Amino acid sequence: MKPSRDTPPQPMTREEWIQEATCRFGASVAGWRFVCPSCGHVASAKDWRDAGAPDTAIAFSCVGRWTGADDSKTFKREGGPCIYAGGGLFRLNPLKVSDGGVIYEVFDFAEATDVVAV
């Protein structure tokens, strides 16, 4: 059965998510890159860590929340970064990841061509 537009995608397992990230970007988590669904900004796990964000923010809230970004690019897909948070009223995070019975909503992966050396 082919999913329709109204059928939400099935969650990936945590293991599948890690495997996908590793295939795209390599084994170093620092180099894994994600796209903010609100502003379109691409950031690596290293970017979040360098900004002082907790690891739980990686691929969940835009890195701009920790870099001093303002609200001018939130929800505009004009670059960014912005101050979007995945757990707010507007839940835009497109990927669902299942881990131990809990479903997490996270940012989509960046294109592998967006990789930069870490």
C-alpha atoms as a PDB file:
ATOM      1  CA  MET A   1       0.000   0.000   0.000  1.00  0.00           C
ATOM      2  CA  LYS A   2       1.381   3.354  -1.055  1.00  0.00           C
ATOM      3  CA  PRO A   3       1.014   6.088   1.609  1.00  0.00           C
ATOM      4  CA  SER A   4      -1.195   9.028   0.686  1.00  0.00           C
ATOM      5  CA  ARG A   5      -0.421  12.627   1.534  1.00  0.00           C
ATOM      6  CA  ASP A   6      -2.697  12.277   4.546  1.00  0.00           C
ATOM      7  CA  THR A   7      -0.866   9.238   5.906  1.00  0.00           C
ATOM      8  CA  PRO A   8       1.900  10.293   8.283  1.00  0.00           C
ATOM      9  CA  PRO A   9       5.216   8.547   7.660  1.00  0.00           C
ATOM     10  CA  GLN A  10       6.070   5.657   9.928  1.00  0.00           C
ATOM     11  CA  PRO A  11       8.691   6.557  12.529  1.00  0.00           C
ATOM     12  CA  MET A  12      12.251   5.454  11.945  1.00  0.00           C
ATOM     13  CA  THR A  13      13.849   3.528  14.750  1.00  0.00           C
ATOM     14  CA  ARG A  14      16.744   5.255  16.493  1.00  0.00           C
ATOM     15  CA  GLU A  15      19.055   2.681  14.914  1.00  0.00           C
ATOM     16  CA  GLU A  16      17.710   3.465  11.405  1.00  0.00           C
ATOM     17  CA  TRP A  17      18.128   7.190  12.042  1.00  0.00           C
ATOM     18  CA  ILE A  18      21.743   6.721  13.147  1.00  0.00           C
ATOM     19  CA  GLN A  19      22.412   4.485  10.148  1.00  0.00           C
ATOM     20  CA  GLU A  20      20.961   7.109   7.764  1.00  0.00           C
ATOM     21  CA  ALA A  21      23.042   9.894   9.335  1.00  0.00           C
ATOM     22  CA  THR A  22      26.184   7.762   9.204  1.00  0.00           C
ATOM     23  CA  CYS A  23      25.590   6.885   5.544  1.00  0.00           C
ATOM     24  CA  ARG A  24      25.110  10.537   4.643  1.00  0.00           C
ATOM     25  CA  PHE A  25      27.764  12.218   6.773  1.00  0.00           C
ATOM     26  CA  GLY A  26      30.086   9.623   8.312  1.00  0.00           C
ATOM     27  CA  ALA A  27      30.488   8.224  11.810  1.00  0.00           C
ATOM     28  CA  SER A  28      31.404  11.519  13.491  1.00  0.00           C
ATOM     29  CA  VAL A  29      28.196  12.900  15.016  1.00  0.00           C
ATOM     30  CA  ALA A  30      29.751  16.384  14.963  1.00  0.00           C
ATOM     31  CA  GLY A  31      29.480  16.369  11.159  1.00  0.00           C
ATOM     32  CA  TRP A  32      25.847  15.319  10.962  1.00  0.00           C
ATOM     33  CA  ARG A  33      23.818  18.162   9.411  1.00  0.00           C
ATOM     34  CA  PHE A  34      20.146  19.031   9.683  1.00  0.00           C
ATOM     35  CA  VAL A  35      17.736  21.551   8.121  1.00  0.00           C
ATOM     36  CA  CYS A  36      15.543  23.770  10.284  1.00  0.00           C
ATOM     37  CA  PRO A  37      11.968  23.309   8.997  1.00  0.00           C
ATOM     38  CA  SER A  38      11.133  26.907   9.873  1.00  0.00           C
ATOM     39  CA  CYS A  39      13.925  28.952   8.290  1.00  0.00           C
ATOM     40  CA  GLY A  40      15.839  26.397   6.187  1.00  0.00           C
ATOM     41  CA  HIS A  41      19.150  26.994   7.965  1.00  0.00           C
ATOM     42  CA  VAL A  42      21.531  24.023   7.762  1.00  0.00           C
ATOM     43  CA  ALA A  43      23.562  23.319  10.895  1.00  0.00           C
ATOM     44  CA  SER A  44      25.803  20.514  12.088  1.00  0.00           C
ATOM     45  CA  ALA A  45      25.756  18.905  15.517  1.00  0.00           C
ATOM     46  CA  LYS A  46      29.071  20.713  16.042  1.00  0.00           C
ATOM     47  CA  ASP A  47      27.347  24.044  15.364  1.00  0.00           C
ATOM     48  CA  TRP A  48      24.823  23.385  18.148  1.00  0.00           C
ATOM     49  CA  ARG A  49      27.550  22.305  20.556  1.00  0.00           C
ATOM     50  CA  ASP A  50      29.762  25.300  19.672  1.00  0.00           C
ATOM     51  CA  ALA A  51      26.780  27.583  20.378  1.00  0.00           C
ATOM     52  CA  GLY A  52      26.383  26.056  23.847  1.00  0.00           C
ATOM     53  CA  ALA A  53      23.136  24.209  23.118  1.00  0.00           C
ATOM     54  CA  PRO A  54      22.425  20.977  24.988  1.00  0.00           C
ATOM     55  CA  ASP A  55      22.628  17.789  22.910  1.00  0.00           C
ATOM     56  CA  THR A  56      18.846  17.425  23.265  1.00  0.00           C
ATOM     57  CA  ALA A  57      18.457  20.568  21.104  1.00  0.00           C
ATOM     58  CA  ILE A  58      20.370  19.098  18.150  1.00  0.00           C
ATOM     59  CA  ALA A  59      17.948  18.603  15.228  1.00  0.00           C
ATOM     60  CA  PHE A  60      15.054  19.656  17.475  1.00  0.00           C
ATOM     61  CA  SER A  61      15.308  23.465  17.789  1.00  0.00           C
ATOM     62  CA  CYS A  62      17.064  25.866  15.437  1.00  0.00           C
ATOM     63  CA  VAL A  63      20.646  26.633  16.410  1.00  0.00           C
ATOM     64  CA  GLY A  64      19.684  30.314  16.304  1.00  0.00           C
ATOM     65  CA  ARG A  65      18.126  29.937  19.748  1.00  0.00           C
ATOM     66  CA  TRP A  66      21.705  29.755  21.059  1.00  0.00           C
ATOM     67  CA  THR A  67      23.458  32.150  18.676  1.00  0.00           C
ATOM     68  CA  GLY A  68      21.430  35.258  19.428  1.00  0.00           C
ATOM     69  CA  ALA A  69      19.213  35.117  16.332  1.00  0.00           C
ATOM     70  CA  ASP A  70      16.037  37.169  16.408  1.00  0.00           C
ATOM     71  CA  ASP A  71      12.535  36.200  15.304  1.00  0.00           C
ATOM     72  CA  SER A  72      12.714  37.878  11.875  1.00  0.00           C
ATOM     73  CA  LYS A  73      13.370  34.638   9.937  1.00  0.00           C
ATOM     74  CA  THR A  74      11.203  32.244  11.936  1.00  0.00           C
ATOM     75  CA  PHE A  75       8.638  30.499   9.672  1.00  0.00           C
ATOM     76  CA  LYS A  76       9.916  32.325   6.564  1.00  0.00           C
ATOM     77  CA  ARG A  77      12.276  29.741   4.988  1.00  0.00           C
ATOM     78  CA  GLU A  78      14.624  32.608   4.102  1.00  0.00           C
ATOM     79  CA  GLY A  79      17.870  31.261   5.447  1.00  0.00           C
ATOM     80  CA  GLY A  80      18.298  31.888   9.098  1.00  0.00           C
ATOM     81  CA  PRO A  81      19.099  30.843  11.690  1.00  0.00           C
ATOM     82  CA  CYS A  82      15.913  31.580  13.608  1.00  0.00           C
ATOM     83  CA  ILE A  83      14.483  30.858  17.058  1.00  0.00           C
ATOM     84  CA  TYR A  84      12.144  27.975  16.139  1.00  0.00           C
ATOM     85  CA  ALA A  85      11.655  25.308  18.826  1.00  0.00           C
ATOM     86  CA  GLY A  86      10.356  21.888  17.834  1.00  0.00           C
ATOM     87  CA  GLY A  87       8.251  21.379  20.920  1.00  0.00           C
ATOM     88  CA  GLY A  88       6.121  24.491  20.586  1.00  0.00           C
ATOM     89  CA  LEU A  89       2.640  25.073  19.226  1.00  0.00           C
ATOM     90  CA  PHE A  90       3.713  24.695  15.584  1.00  0.00           C
ATOM     91  CA  ARG A  91       5.323  21.277  15.343  1.00  0.00           C
ATOM     92  CA  LEU A  92       7.086  21.363  11.994  1.00  0.00           C
ATOM     93  CA  ASN A  93       9.795  18.761  12.623  1.00  0.00           C
ATOM     94  CA  PRO A  94       9.238  16.300   9.780  1.00  0.00           C
ATOM     95  CA  LEU A  95      11.073  13.167  10.933  1.00  0.00           C
ATOM     96  CA  LYS A  96       9.676  10.854  13.565  1.00  0.00           C
ATOM     97  CA  VAL A  97      12.189   8.693  15.433  1.00  0.00           C
ATOM     98  CA  SER A  98      11.138   5.925  17.792  1.00  0.00           C
ATOM     99  CA  ASP A  99      13.374   5.122  20.752  1.00  0.00           C
ATOM    100  CA  GLY A 100      12.215   2.819  23.524  1.00  0.00           C
ATOM    101  CA  GLY A 101       8.536   3.449  22.828  1.00  0.00           C
ATOM    102  CA  VAL A 102       8.936   7.242  22.746  1.00  0.00           C
ATOM    103  CA  ILE A 103       8.471   9.101  19.447  1.00  0.00           C
ATOM    104  CA  TYR A 104      10.735  12.104  18.902  1.00  0.00           C
ATOM    105  CA  GLU A 105      10.076  14.684  16.180  1.00  0.00           C
ATOM    106  CA  VAL A 106      13.318  15.963  14.648  1.00  0.00           C
ATOM    107  CA  PHE A 107      14.647  18.021  11.744  1.00  0.00           C
ATOM    108  CA  ASP A 108      15.210  16.437   8.363  1.00  0.00           C
ATOM    109  CA  PHE A 109      18.746  15.592   7.309  1.00  0.00           C
ATOM    110  CA  ALA A 110      20.572  18.096   5.135  1.00  0.00           C
ATOM    111  CA  GLU A 111      21.637  16.972   1.704  1.00  0.00           C
ATOM    112  CA  ALA A 112      24.897  15.068   1.754  1.00  0.00           C
ATOM    113  CA  THR A 113      26.287  17.736  -0.604  1.00  0.00           C
ATOM    114  CA  ASP A 114      25.975  20.209   2.284  1.00  0.00           C
ATOM    115  CA  VAL A 115      28.736  18.406   4.210  1.00  0.00           C
ATOM    116  CA  VAL A 116      31.656  20.436   5.475  1.00  0.00           C
ATOM    117  CA  ALA A 117      34.821  19.145   7.118  1.00  0.00           C
ATOM    118  CA  VAL A 118      34.676  18.994  10.902  1.00  0.00           C
END
